[in-house]
Amino acid sequence: MLKFSTKTRLQASLLFARVCSSGSHNVQPIRINHALQLCPIHSGSHNLQLALARIGRASQIRQVRSSLQNVQPKSSLSGSDSLMLKLRLIHSSSHNMQPKLPPIQLRQCKAQFLSISQMLIGFAMKRGKEFAVNHGKQFVMKRLKNLLIYTIGGYFVRWGIALLGLGVSLDLLYTYVYNYWNEYCLIRTFELGTRPDSGIDNTKLIPRESLVKELKLIFQPVANTGFYRTIISEHGTGTTSVVRRAAREVGQGVIYVEISDEEKFSEQLAKALGWSLEEKLSFTTVLKRKFLRGPLQHTSSDQEKMDRVMKAFERGVKKYQAKFKKPPVLILDNISKLGKEDPELLKKLQHFSAGESTPLFVFVTQSEWHRANVPFMIGDLSGEEALKFLQEKLGIDDKKANQLIKLVGGRIMHLKDYGKQIQDGQQFELIRENAFSSLKNQFSKAEMLQKQSNLEHGKRVIQELLKRKQIKFGEYCNLVGNERVANQLLSANVFSFDPVNQMVSFQSPLMYAYVQEVCIQCEI
């Protein structure tokens, strides 16, 4: 069997395909000659694909086979050249279709042609199969790629966009609801009031109805006053419980804040207003601030918190005034602590409350307040009120009750503490010693014990008070001779100052009794 090179196979394949593409039943020599002249020599799969597409026409193949019977090959040519020559001689022999070859040579040519045609067909089929496999793989990969990119990818993109839109919508909705609820709680607190609990069991609560009635009048202003009120009391007079009770009974428009050391004032005020200090921002707002204003600060300073709380408070005040045509009341209990910790903030509150169209500020303190229009003084219980408290609330008989009142007077704190000791069965003399021992600590705080710096300053004041029980504030300052020491003695609760009458006296009847005993013994 003859072997042909790839070049020869390609030429024969294309020529054979062009010959077979003739439209007539007889082989037209002009078409064959034209095919021989135009047949390009290329390598690659294009000609193989063309040959595969054309070679399946059986009728034309038979015509070409019959035409080869009239071709006389040259014996000196190689197999491939002989094949090409036979194909080229078709043109010259097409006019005379009579066979000129002997039967043996004709059979040989026929066998060679059949062999060559089978090889060409097999070669084309093999190439076609490889092409089909490769094309099939490419087709499948292309379809998979389109499926992943355009179908599955599009699916995820669409769902991603939908989920993103849903997330942003929910984020905006949650932020709106959170801030709306925060503002709603603020306004509701103004309308209902904080209504603080007195912190004392009702069975042990001292009525003091006249004092509560006066406080309720203060806590119900009828118009913008433009100033604040100050409630001044001595330590242990029960001011907090009375103020809380009055604020609870008034209710509407009264905000009560007890200042302590445990939390910042901004946090305490926000808690009393029922308003959250946490600033809730939507995700889009966070992104906007981040890209337009730089990095976000996740923590706020105390000043920023205070500014936000005061703005929220102002909004509540305006809405309350617009609805009820009267100012709300803000009670700041134990304001002296705020003055020590943050005097600048205290000054701002004073200026804020002294302005027009503002709420009524009520400062509860043990200190002097010069800007107060009319200071309100909460003092001790009267003798009758003290006796009623000891008998009805603590169940102490008249004799022991009168002894205790003579020792401590009407100071509520002392009546409760030492009355409890009487209930427990302690002897009155032991109670008296315990009381004097506690007062000695106050003298130590004021530095008025033996060999302490303020002893001489305090002695001059004590000697004068033992004569008159109270002296004017100016005289007190002259006796002390030092403003810092004068304030220190007052803050240590050895002496007390009445801002209404501008008088100084002993801090309590118990202190007066203790000083009398100390002076008799000539020691402090």
Protein backbone atom coordinates (compact mmCIF):
# COMPACT_ATOMS: atom_id res chain seq x y z
CA MET A 1 0.00 0.00 0.00
CA LEU A 2 1.30 3.44 -0.91
CA LYS A 3 2.18 5.97 1.76
CA PHE A 4 1.58 9.67 1.27
CA SER A 5 2.88 12.72 3.07
CA THR A 6 0.58 15.12 4.89
CA LYS A 7 1.10 17.69 2.15
CA THR A 8 -0.01 15.26 -0.53
CA ARG A 9 -3.02 14.18 1.52
CA LEU A 10 -4.12 17.75 2.00
CA GLN A 11 -3.77 18.52 -1.71
CA ALA A 12 -5.61 15.37 -2.72
CA SER A 13 -8.31 15.93 -0.12
CA LEU A 14 -9.08 19.43 -1.27
CA LEU A 15 -8.88 18.51 -4.97
CA PHE A 16 -11.04 15.48 -4.42
CA ALA A 17 -13.57 17.59 -2.55
CA ARG A 18 -13.69 20.19 -5.30
CA VAL A 19 -14.09 17.48 -7.95
CA CYS A 20 -16.93 15.93 -5.99
CA SER A 21 -18.65 19.28 -5.63
CA SER A 22 -19.46 19.37 -9.37
CA GLY A 23 -23.12 19.80 -9.99
CA SER A 24 -23.39 17.46 -13.06
CA HIS A 25 -23.27 13.71 -13.22
CA ASN A 26 -20.35 13.77 -15.65
CA VAL A 27 -17.02 14.98 -14.43
CA GLN A 28 -16.34 18.32 -16.03
CA PRO A 29 -12.65 18.67 -16.97
CA ILE A 30 -12.72 22.44 -16.75
CA ARG A 31 -13.75 22.25 -13.08
CA ILE A 32 -11.02 19.70 -12.37
CA ASN A 33 -8.42 21.83 -14.11
CA HIS A 34 -9.67 24.90 -12.25
CA ALA A 35 -9.45 23.01 -8.96
CA LEU A 36 -5.89 21.92 -9.76
CA GLN A 37 -4.87 25.49 -10.48
CA LEU A 38 -6.57 27.06 -7.44
CA CYS A 39 -5.76 24.34 -4.90
CA PRO A 40 -3.76 26.03 -2.07
CA ILE A 41 -1.25 24.13 0.00
CA HIS A 42 -2.07 24.75 3.69
CA SER A 43 -1.54 22.87 6.90
CA GLY A 44 -4.11 22.82 9.65
CA SER A 45 -7.61 21.67 10.25
CA HIS A 46 -9.49 23.95 7.85
CA ASN A 47 -8.85 21.88 4.73
CA LEU A 48 -9.51 18.67 6.66
CA GLN A 49 -12.85 20.05 7.83
CA LEU A 50 -13.71 21.01 4.24
CA ALA A 51 -12.67 17.60 2.94
CA LEU A 52 -14.73 15.87 5.61
CA ALA A 53 -17.75 17.94 4.67
CA ARG A 54 -17.40 17.24 0.95
CA ILE A 55 -16.17 13.65 0.75
CA GLY A 56 -19.42 11.94 1.55
CA ARG A 57 -20.94 12.37 -1.92
CA ALA A 58 -20.84 8.78 -3.31
CA SER A 59 -22.12 9.51 -6.83
CA GLN A 60 -19.33 11.96 -7.60
CA ILE A 61 -16.77 9.52 -6.19
CA ARG A 62 -17.90 6.89 -8.66
CA GLN A 63 -17.59 9.36 -11.51
CA VAL A 64 -14.03 10.22 -10.52
CA ARG A 65 -13.18 6.53 -10.25
CA SER A 66 -14.50 5.86 -13.75
CA SER A 67 -12.59 8.82 -15.18
CA LEU A 68 -9.36 7.43 -13.79
CA GLN A 69 -9.71 4.44 -16.08
CA ASN A 70 -8.75 6.66 -19.01
CA VAL A 71 -5.56 7.95 -17.36
CA GLN A 72 -2.19 6.42 -18.33
CA PRO A 73 0.28 6.91 -15.40
CA LYS A 74 4.01 7.17 -15.87
CA SER A 75 5.95 4.40 -14.24
CA SER A 76 8.86 6.65 -13.29
CA LEU A 77 6.74 8.76 -10.97
CA SER A 78 6.41 8.15 -7.25
CA GLY A 79 3.12 7.12 -5.71
CA SER A 80 2.09 10.60 -4.66
CA ASP A 81 3.18 12.20 -7.92
CA SER A 82 1.44 9.43 -9.85
CA LEU A 83 -1.78 10.16 -7.98
CA MET A 84 -1.53 13.87 -8.66
CA LEU A 85 -0.68 13.19 -12.31
CA LYS A 86 -3.68 10.91 -12.74
CA LEU A 87 -5.89 13.60 -11.36
CA ARG A 88 -4.37 16.21 -13.64
CA LEU A 89 -4.71 13.95 -16.72
CA ILE A 90 -8.44 13.89 -16.21
CA HIS A 91 -8.61 17.15 -18.09
CA SER A 92 -6.79 15.83 -21.15
CA SER A 93 -8.68 12.55 -21.24
CA SER A 94 -12.16 13.82 -20.51
CA HIS A 95 -13.06 14.29 -24.20
CA ASN A 96 -12.28 10.69 -24.99
CA MET A 97 -13.90 8.37 -22.45
CA GLN A 98 -12.84 5.14 -24.12
CA PRO A 99 -10.51 3.06 -21.93
CA LYS A 100 -6.96 2.83 -23.31
CA LEU A 101 -5.39 0.82 -20.49
CA PRO A 102 -5.07 -2.93 -20.37
CA PRO A 103 -7.33 -4.62 -17.80
CA ILE A 104 -4.41 -5.41 -15.50
CA GLN A 105 -3.19 -1.79 -15.34
CA LEU A 106 -6.74 -0.57 -15.02
CA ARG A 107 -7.31 -2.82 -12.03
CA GLN A 108 -4.03 -1.60 -10.50
CA CYS A 109 -4.99 2.04 -10.94
CA LYS A 110 -8.42 1.31 -9.57
CA ALA A 111 -6.94 -0.46 -6.57
CA GLN A 112 -4.51 2.41 -6.00
CA PHE A 113 -7.29 4.94 -6.18
CA LEU A 114 -9.48 2.95 -3.84
CA SER A 115 -6.59 2.61 -1.41
CA ILE A 116 -5.80 6.28 -1.60
CA SER A 117 -9.45 7.27 -1.26
CA GLN A 118 -9.89 4.99 1.77
CA MET A 119 -6.79 6.48 3.35
CA LEU A 120 -8.09 9.96 2.66
CA ILE A 121 -11.50 9.12 4.04
CA GLY A 122 -9.97 7.51 7.15
CA PHE A 123 -7.62 10.42 7.63
CA ALA A 124 -10.47 12.89 7.28
CA MET A 125 -12.65 10.90 9.67
CA LYS A 126 -9.84 10.72 12.23
CA ARG A 127 -9.27 14.45 11.97
CA GLY A 128 -12.97 15.05 12.06
CA LYS A 129 -13.29 12.96 15.20
CA GLU A 130 -10.50 14.87 16.89
CA PHE A 131 -12.09 18.10 15.77
CA ALA A 132 -15.46 16.96 17.03
CA VAL A 133 -14.01 16.03 20.43
CA ASN A 134 -12.07 19.25 20.73
CA HIS A 135 -14.96 21.30 19.46
CA GLY A 136 -17.28 19.48 21.81
CA LYS A 137 -15.03 20.23 24.76
CA GLN A 138 -14.81 23.85 23.74
CA PHE A 139 -18.56 24.00 23.30
CA VAL A 140 -19.21 22.46 26.71
CA MET A 141 -16.66 24.71 28.43
CA LYS A 142 -18.10 27.74 26.70
CA ARG A 143 -21.59 26.79 27.80
CA LEU A 144 -20.40 26.17 31.35
CA LYS A 145 -18.58 29.50 31.31
CA ASN A 146 -21.70 31.27 30.10
CA LEU A 147 -23.73 29.41 32.70
CA LEU A 148 -21.40 30.43 35.51
CA ILE A 149 -20.88 34.00 34.38
CA TYR A 150 -24.23 34.98 32.97
CA THR A 151 -26.65 32.60 34.66
CA ILE A 152 -25.27 31.61 38.07
CA GLY A 153 -23.16 34.76 38.35
CA GLY A 154 -26.11 36.88 37.39
CA TYR A 155 -28.22 35.00 39.91
CA PHE A 156 -25.80 35.79 42.70
CA VAL A 157 -25.39 39.37 41.54
CA ARG A 158 -29.13 39.90 41.47
CA TRP A 159 -29.60 38.31 44.88
CA GLY A 160 -26.59 40.21 46.23
CA ILE A 161 -28.05 43.50 45.08
CA ALA A 162 -31.44 42.52 46.49
CA LEU A 163 -29.96 41.52 49.85
CA LEU A 164 -27.85 44.67 49.97
CA GLY A 165 -30.90 46.79 49.29
CA LEU A 166 -32.87 44.89 51.93
CA GLY A 167 -30.02 45.27 54.45
CA VAL A 168 -29.73 49.00 53.86
CA SER A 169 -33.51 49.38 54.14
CA LEU A 170 -33.63 47.42 57.41
CA ASP A 171 -30.66 49.40 58.74
CA LEU A 172 -32.36 52.70 57.96
CA LEU A 173 -35.64 51.45 59.40
CA TYR A 174 -34.00 50.22 62.63
CA THR A 175 -32.10 53.49 63.03
CA TYR A 176 -35.28 55.50 62.50
CA VAL A 177 -37.28 53.39 64.97
CA TYR A 178 -34.47 53.47 67.56
CA ASN A 179 -34.07 57.25 67.41
CA TYR A 180 -37.84 57.78 67.30
CA TRP A 181 -38.32 55.62 70.39
CA ASN A 182 -35.46 57.39 72.16
CA GLU A 183 -37.09 60.76 71.49
CA TYR A 184 -40.51 59.42 72.46
CA CYS A 185 -39.17 58.25 75.85
CA LEU A 186 -37.64 61.69 76.41
CA ILE A 187 -40.92 63.53 75.81
CA ARG A 188 -42.90 60.98 77.83
CA THR A 189 -40.54 61.47 80.80
CA PHE A 190 -41.24 65.21 80.74
CA GLU A 191 -44.98 64.66 80.56
CA LEU A 192 -45.17 62.06 83.34
CA GLY A 193 -42.20 63.12 85.46
CA THR A 194 -39.59 60.82 86.97
CA ARG A 195 -41.68 60.19 90.13
CA PRO A 196 -38.75 59.11 92.34
CA ASP A 197 -39.23 56.73 95.20
CA SER A 198 -38.61 58.17 98.65
CA GLY A 199 -36.34 55.24 99.46
CA ILE A 200 -37.92 54.80 102.89
CA ASP A 201 -40.52 52.34 104.05
CA ASN A 202 -43.89 54.06 104.39
CA THR A 203 -44.18 52.76 107.93
CA LYS A 204 -41.03 54.69 108.86
CA LEU A 205 -41.66 57.77 106.74
CA ILE A 206 -42.00 61.04 108.64
CA PRO A 207 -45.06 62.91 107.27
CA ARG A 208 -43.89 66.56 107.50
CA GLU A 209 -46.99 67.58 105.57
CA SER A 210 -46.43 71.33 105.86
CA LEU A 211 -42.94 71.05 104.40
CA VAL A 212 -44.10 68.80 101.56
CA LYS A 213 -46.87 71.26 100.75
CA GLU A 214 -44.40 74.15 100.46
CA LEU A 215 -42.11 72.11 98.21
CA LYS A 216 -45.00 71.14 95.95
CA LEU A 217 -45.75 74.81 95.39
CA ILE A 218 -42.14 75.34 94.31
CA PHE A 219 -42.27 72.35 91.95
CA GLN A 220 -45.37 73.68 90.12
CA PRO A 221 -44.37 77.00 88.51
CA VAL A 222 -47.12 78.73 86.57
CA ALA A 223 -44.89 80.74 84.20
CA ASN A 224 -41.29 81.22 83.16
CA THR A 225 -39.54 82.57 86.22
CA GLY A 226 -36.08 83.27 84.75
CA PHE A 227 -34.25 82.15 87.89
CA TYR A 228 -33.62 79.02 89.90
CA ARG A 229 -34.52 78.01 93.42
CA THR A 230 -32.19 76.60 96.03
CA ILE A 231 -33.08 74.23 98.84
CA ILE A 232 -30.48 74.40 101.59
CA SER A 233 -30.36 72.02 104.48
CA GLU A 234 -28.04 70.69 107.09
CA HIS A 235 -26.58 67.22 106.95
CA GLY A 236 -29.04 64.63 108.20
CA THR A 237 -32.23 66.70 108.06
CA GLY A 238 -34.00 64.27 105.72
CA THR A 239 -34.00 66.67 102.79
CA THR A 240 -33.66 64.00 100.10
CA SER A 241 -36.65 61.96 101.25
CA VAL A 242 -38.86 65.05 101.56
CA VAL A 243 -37.85 66.40 98.14
CA ARG A 244 -38.42 63.00 96.53
CA ARG A 245 -41.84 62.68 98.09
CA ALA A 246 -42.91 66.13 96.90
CA ALA A 247 -41.55 65.46 93.39
CA ARG A 248 -43.40 62.14 93.26
CA GLU A 249 -46.71 63.68 94.29
CA VAL A 250 -46.41 66.50 91.73
CA GLY A 251 -45.36 64.09 88.98
CA GLN A 252 -45.92 65.92 85.71
CA GLY A 253 -42.99 67.98 84.47
CA VAL A 254 -40.69 67.26 87.43
CA ILE A 255 -37.32 65.65 86.63
CA TYR A 256 -35.34 64.52 89.68
CA VAL A 257 -31.60 63.77 89.51
CA GLU A 258 -29.57 62.69 92.52
CA ILE A 259 -25.90 63.43 91.85
CA SER A 260 -23.49 60.76 93.02
CA ASP A 261 -19.84 59.85 92.63
CA GLU A 262 -20.56 56.56 90.86
CA GLU A 263 -21.46 57.99 87.43
CA LYS A 264 -20.75 61.03 85.32
CA PHE A 265 -23.35 63.78 85.55
CA SER A 266 -24.17 63.45 81.84
CA GLU A 267 -24.98 59.76 82.33
CA GLN A 268 -27.09 60.44 85.43
CA LEU A 269 -29.05 63.18 83.68
CA ALA A 270 -29.61 61.02 80.58
CA LYS A 271 -30.85 58.14 82.75
CA ALA A 272 -33.26 60.44 84.59
CA LEU A 273 -34.60 61.74 81.26
CA GLY A 274 -35.14 58.19 80.01
CA TRP A 275 -32.92 59.04 77.05
CA SER A 276 -30.09 56.88 75.73
CA LEU A 277 -26.67 58.48 75.31
CA GLU A 278 -25.79 55.97 72.61
CA GLU A 279 -25.85 57.67 69.23
CA LYS A 280 -27.47 55.27 66.75
CA LEU A 281 -26.29 55.91 63.19
CA SER A 282 -27.33 54.11 60.04
CA PHE A 283 -24.71 52.24 58.01
CA THR A 284 -25.02 54.77 55.20
CA THR A 285 -24.47 57.65 57.61
CA VAL A 286 -21.38 55.94 59.00
CA LEU A 287 -19.98 55.57 55.48
CA LYS A 288 -20.83 59.16 54.65
CA ARG A 289 -19.07 60.46 57.74
CA LYS A 290 -16.11 58.19 57.15
CA PHE A 291 -15.50 59.32 53.58
CA LEU A 292 -16.52 62.95 53.95
CA ARG A 293 -15.22 63.78 57.42
CA GLY A 294 -12.45 61.29 58.01
CA PRO A 295 -12.28 58.38 60.51
CA LEU A 296 -15.13 58.02 62.95
CA GLN A 297 -14.57 58.32 66.67
CA HIS A 298 -16.24 55.39 68.41
CA THR A 299 -16.03 56.99 71.85
CA SER A 300 -17.30 60.40 72.87
CA SER A 301 -15.66 62.68 75.39
CA ASP A 302 -17.47 63.77 78.55
CA GLN A 303 -18.00 67.22 77.07
CA GLU A 304 -19.56 65.79 73.90
CA LYS A 305 -21.86 63.59 75.99
CA MET A 306 -22.88 66.56 78.12
CA ASP A 307 -23.61 68.68 75.05
CA ARG A 308 -25.79 65.93 73.56
CA VAL A 309 -27.72 65.47 76.82
CA MET A 310 -28.31 69.21 77.20
CA LYS A 311 -29.55 69.45 73.61
CA ALA A 312 -31.95 66.59 74.27
CA PHE A 313 -33.05 68.31 77.49
CA GLU A 314 -33.69 71.56 75.60
CA ARG A 315 -35.82 69.73 73.04
CA GLY A 316 -37.88 68.20 75.82
CA VAL A 317 -38.29 71.58 77.52
CA LYS A 318 -39.52 73.27 74.33
CA LYS A 319 -42.05 70.54 73.55
CA TYR A 320 -43.30 70.45 77.14
CA GLN A 321 -43.70 74.24 77.27
CA ALA A 322 -45.48 74.27 73.91
CA LYS A 323 -47.96 71.64 75.09
CA PHE A 324 -48.61 72.64 78.72
CA LYS A 325 -47.76 76.38 78.61
CA LYS A 326 -45.54 76.16 81.70
CA PRO A 327 -41.90 75.29 82.33
CA PRO A 328 -40.77 71.91 83.60
CA VAL A 329 -38.71 71.53 86.77
CA LEU A 330 -35.25 69.96 87.02
CA ILE A 331 -34.25 69.04 90.59
CA LEU A 332 -30.53 68.48 91.11
CA ASP A 333 -30.02 66.91 94.52
CA ASN A 334 -26.61 67.14 96.17
CA ILE A 335 -25.45 69.79 93.72
CA SER A 336 -22.46 70.58 95.93
CA LYS A 337 -20.74 67.41 94.64
CA LEU A 338 -21.04 68.67 91.10
CA GLY A 339 -19.56 72.00 92.17
CA LYS A 340 -16.50 70.25 93.56
CA GLU A 341 -16.00 67.88 90.63
CA ASP A 342 -16.81 70.20 87.72
CA PRO A 343 -17.19 73.87 88.73
CA GLU A 344 -17.27 75.01 85.09
CA LEU A 345 -20.27 72.81 84.37
CA LEU A 346 -22.00 74.15 87.46
CA LYS A 347 -21.47 77.72 86.24
CA LYS A 348 -22.98 76.79 82.86
CA LEU A 349 -26.04 75.35 84.58
CA GLN A 350 -26.43 78.49 86.67
CA HIS A 351 -26.25 80.75 83.61
CA PHE A 352 -28.53 78.43 81.67
CA SER A 353 -31.16 78.39 84.41
CA ALA A 354 -30.98 82.14 84.97
CA GLY A 355 -31.92 82.89 81.36
CA GLU A 356 -35.34 83.42 79.83
CA SER A 357 -37.73 80.74 78.62
CA THR A 358 -35.92 78.02 80.51
CA PRO A 359 -37.02 75.34 82.94
CA LEU A 360 -37.00 75.97 86.66
CA PHE A 361 -33.83 74.54 88.20
CA VAL A 362 -34.04 73.49 91.85
CA PHE A 363 -30.65 72.95 93.48
CA VAL A 364 -30.60 70.94 96.68
CA THR A 365 -27.41 71.59 98.60
CA GLN A 366 -25.69 72.28 101.88
CA SER A 367 -23.71 75.18 100.44
CA GLU A 368 -24.26 78.88 99.93
CA TRP A 369 -25.83 80.03 96.66
CA HIS A 370 -25.61 83.75 96.01
CA ARG A 371 -27.71 83.88 92.83
CA ALA A 372 -30.73 82.16 94.31
CA ASN A 373 -33.74 84.45 94.39
CA VAL A 374 -35.31 83.03 97.54
CA PRO A 375 -33.38 80.17 99.18
CA PHE A 376 -35.58 77.54 100.74
CA MET A 377 -34.27 76.22 104.05
CA ILE A 378 -35.12 72.75 105.32
CA GLY A 379 -34.46 72.48 109.03
CA ASP A 380 -34.94 69.99 111.85
CA LEU A 381 -38.17 68.51 113.08
CA SER A 382 -39.99 70.40 115.75
CA GLY A 383 -40.15 68.90 119.24
CA GLU A 384 -43.70 67.72 118.62
CA GLU A 385 -42.84 66.14 115.24
CA ALA A 386 -39.78 64.42 116.71
CA LEU A 387 -41.75 62.96 119.62
CA LYS A 388 -44.49 61.74 117.26
CA PHE A 389 -41.91 60.07 115.01
CA LEU A 390 -40.18 58.24 117.89
CA GLN A 391 -43.46 57.07 119.39
CA GLU A 392 -45.42 56.09 116.26
CA LYS A 393 -42.68 54.96 113.88
CA LEU A 394 -40.15 53.44 116.29
CA GLY A 395 -42.38 52.56 119.26
CA ILE A 396 -40.24 54.27 121.91
CA ASP A 397 -41.88 55.31 125.18
CA ASP A 398 -42.20 58.95 126.22
CA LYS A 399 -39.32 58.98 128.74
CA LYS A 400 -36.66 57.59 126.41
CA ALA A 401 -38.03 59.63 123.52
CA ASN A 402 -37.73 62.89 125.45
CA GLN A 403 -34.20 61.96 126.57
CA LEU A 404 -33.15 61.39 122.99
CA ILE A 405 -34.80 64.60 121.76
CA LYS A 406 -33.01 66.58 124.48
CA LEU A 407 -29.69 65.11 123.31
CA VAL A 408 -30.02 65.32 119.50
CA GLY A 409 -32.92 67.72 119.02
CA GLY A 410 -35.04 67.26 115.88
CA ARG A 411 -32.24 66.10 113.54
CA ILE A 412 -33.84 63.21 111.63
CA MET A 413 -30.63 61.31 110.98
CA HIS A 414 -29.77 61.22 114.69
CA LEU A 415 -33.31 60.32 115.70
CA LYS A 416 -33.28 57.32 113.34
CA ASP A 417 -29.80 56.07 114.21
CA TYR A 418 -29.98 56.34 117.98
CA GLY A 419 -33.67 55.50 118.13
CA LYS A 420 -32.80 52.18 116.48
CA GLN A 421 -30.20 51.57 119.21
CA ILE A 422 -32.87 52.23 121.86
CA GLN A 423 -35.10 49.68 120.12
CA ASP A 424 -32.26 47.19 120.32
CA GLY A 425 -32.16 47.65 124.11
CA GLN A 426 -28.98 49.68 124.52
CA GLN A 427 -28.63 51.92 127.58
CA PHE A 428 -29.00 55.65 127.04
CA GLU A 429 -25.55 56.47 128.49
CA LEU A 430 -23.89 54.10 126.04
CA ILE A 431 -25.83 55.70 123.21
CA ARG A 432 -24.64 59.14 124.38
CA GLU A 433 -21.00 58.01 124.38
CA ASN A 434 -21.34 56.57 120.88
CA ALA A 435 -22.85 59.83 119.65
CA PHE A 436 -20.05 61.97 121.11
CA SER A 437 -17.45 59.59 119.70
CA SER A 438 -18.81 60.09 116.18
CA LEU A 439 -18.72 63.88 116.59
CA LYS A 440 -15.06 63.75 117.54
CA ASN A 441 -14.37 62.52 113.99
CA GLN A 442 -15.96 65.69 112.63
CA PHE A 443 -13.63 67.81 114.77
CA SER A 444 -10.73 65.79 113.41
CA LYS A 445 -11.91 66.48 109.85
CA ALA A 446 -12.08 70.20 110.69
CA GLU A 447 -8.56 69.96 112.23
CA MET A 448 -9.82 71.31 115.57
CA LEU A 449 -8.38 68.68 117.92
CA GLN A 450 -5.41 69.26 120.18
CA LYS A 451 -2.24 70.26 118.29
CA GLN A 452 -4.13 70.68 114.99
CA SER A 453 -3.91 73.78 112.81
CA ASN A 454 -7.49 75.09 113.15
CA LEU A 455 -7.92 74.62 116.91
CA GLU A 456 -7.43 78.28 117.85
CA HIS A 457 -9.68 79.53 115.03
CA GLY A 458 -12.45 77.17 116.08
CA LYS A 459 -12.12 77.92 119.78
CA ARG A 460 -12.91 81.60 119.24
CA VAL A 461 -16.09 80.75 117.36
CA ILE A 462 -17.14 78.10 119.92
CA GLN A 463 -16.73 80.47 122.84
CA GLU A 464 -18.88 83.08 121.13
CA LEU A 465 -21.59 80.57 120.18
CA LEU A 466 -21.78 79.22 123.73
CA LYS A 467 -22.72 82.72 124.80
CA ARG A 468 -25.25 83.58 122.08
CA LYS A 469 -25.98 80.26 120.27
CA GLN A 470 -25.74 82.04 116.89
CA ILE A 471 -23.72 84.87 115.37
CA LYS A 472 -23.81 86.81 112.11
CA PHE A 473 -21.86 85.42 109.19
CA GLY A 474 -19.63 88.48 108.94
CA GLU A 475 -18.73 88.21 112.60
CA TYR A 476 -17.97 84.53 112.12
CA CYS A 477 -15.54 85.32 109.30
CA ASN A 478 -13.82 87.95 111.45
CA LEU A 479 -13.42 85.52 114.34
CA VAL A 480 -11.85 82.89 112.10
CA GLY A 481 -9.69 85.40 110.27
CA ASN A 482 -9.13 83.14 107.25
CA GLU A 483 -11.62 82.52 104.44
CA ARG A 484 -10.25 79.09 103.62
CA VAL A 485 -10.48 77.95 107.25
CA ALA A 486 -13.98 79.43 107.59
CA ASN A 487 -15.20 77.35 104.64
CA GLN A 488 -13.42 74.26 105.94
CA LEU A 489 -15.15 74.49 109.35
CA LEU A 490 -18.54 74.83 107.67
CA SER A 491 -17.93 71.94 105.25
CA ALA A 492 -16.83 69.67 108.14
CA ASN A 493 -20.31 70.07 109.69
CA VAL A 494 -19.04 71.56 112.94
CA PHE A 495 -20.90 74.82 112.31
CA SER A 496 -23.86 75.52 110.04
CA PHE A 497 -24.83 78.55 107.99
CA ASP A 498 -28.40 79.79 107.50
CA PRO A 499 -28.43 81.70 104.16
CA VAL A 500 -31.89 83.12 104.81
CA ASN A 501 -30.96 84.88 108.04
CA GLN A 502 -27.20 85.01 107.30
CA MET A 503 -26.46 83.44 110.70
CA VAL A 504 -23.95 80.83 111.89
CA SER A 505 -24.68 78.32 114.67
CA PHE A 506 -23.66 74.86 115.81
CA GLN A 507 -24.38 72.19 113.24
CA SER A 508 -26.89 70.33 115.45
CA PRO A 509 -28.18 70.19 119.03
CA LEU A 510 -25.99 67.11 119.52
CA MET A 511 -22.95 69.17 118.51
CA TYR A 512 -23.95 71.87 121.00
CA ALA A 513 -24.22 69.28 123.78
CA TYR A 514 -20.84 67.80 122.83
CA VAL A 515 -19.12 71.21 122.78
CA GLN A 516 -20.56 72.08 126.21
CA GLU A 517 -19.10 68.90 127.67
CA VAL A 518 -15.73 69.41 125.99
CA CYS A 519 -15.45 73.02 127.17
CA ILE A 520 -16.29 72.02 130.72
CA GLN A 521 -13.44 69.51 130.54
CA CYS A 522 -11.26 72.21 128.89
CA GLU A 523 -10.37 70.04 125.90
CA ILE A 524 -11.49 69.35 122.40
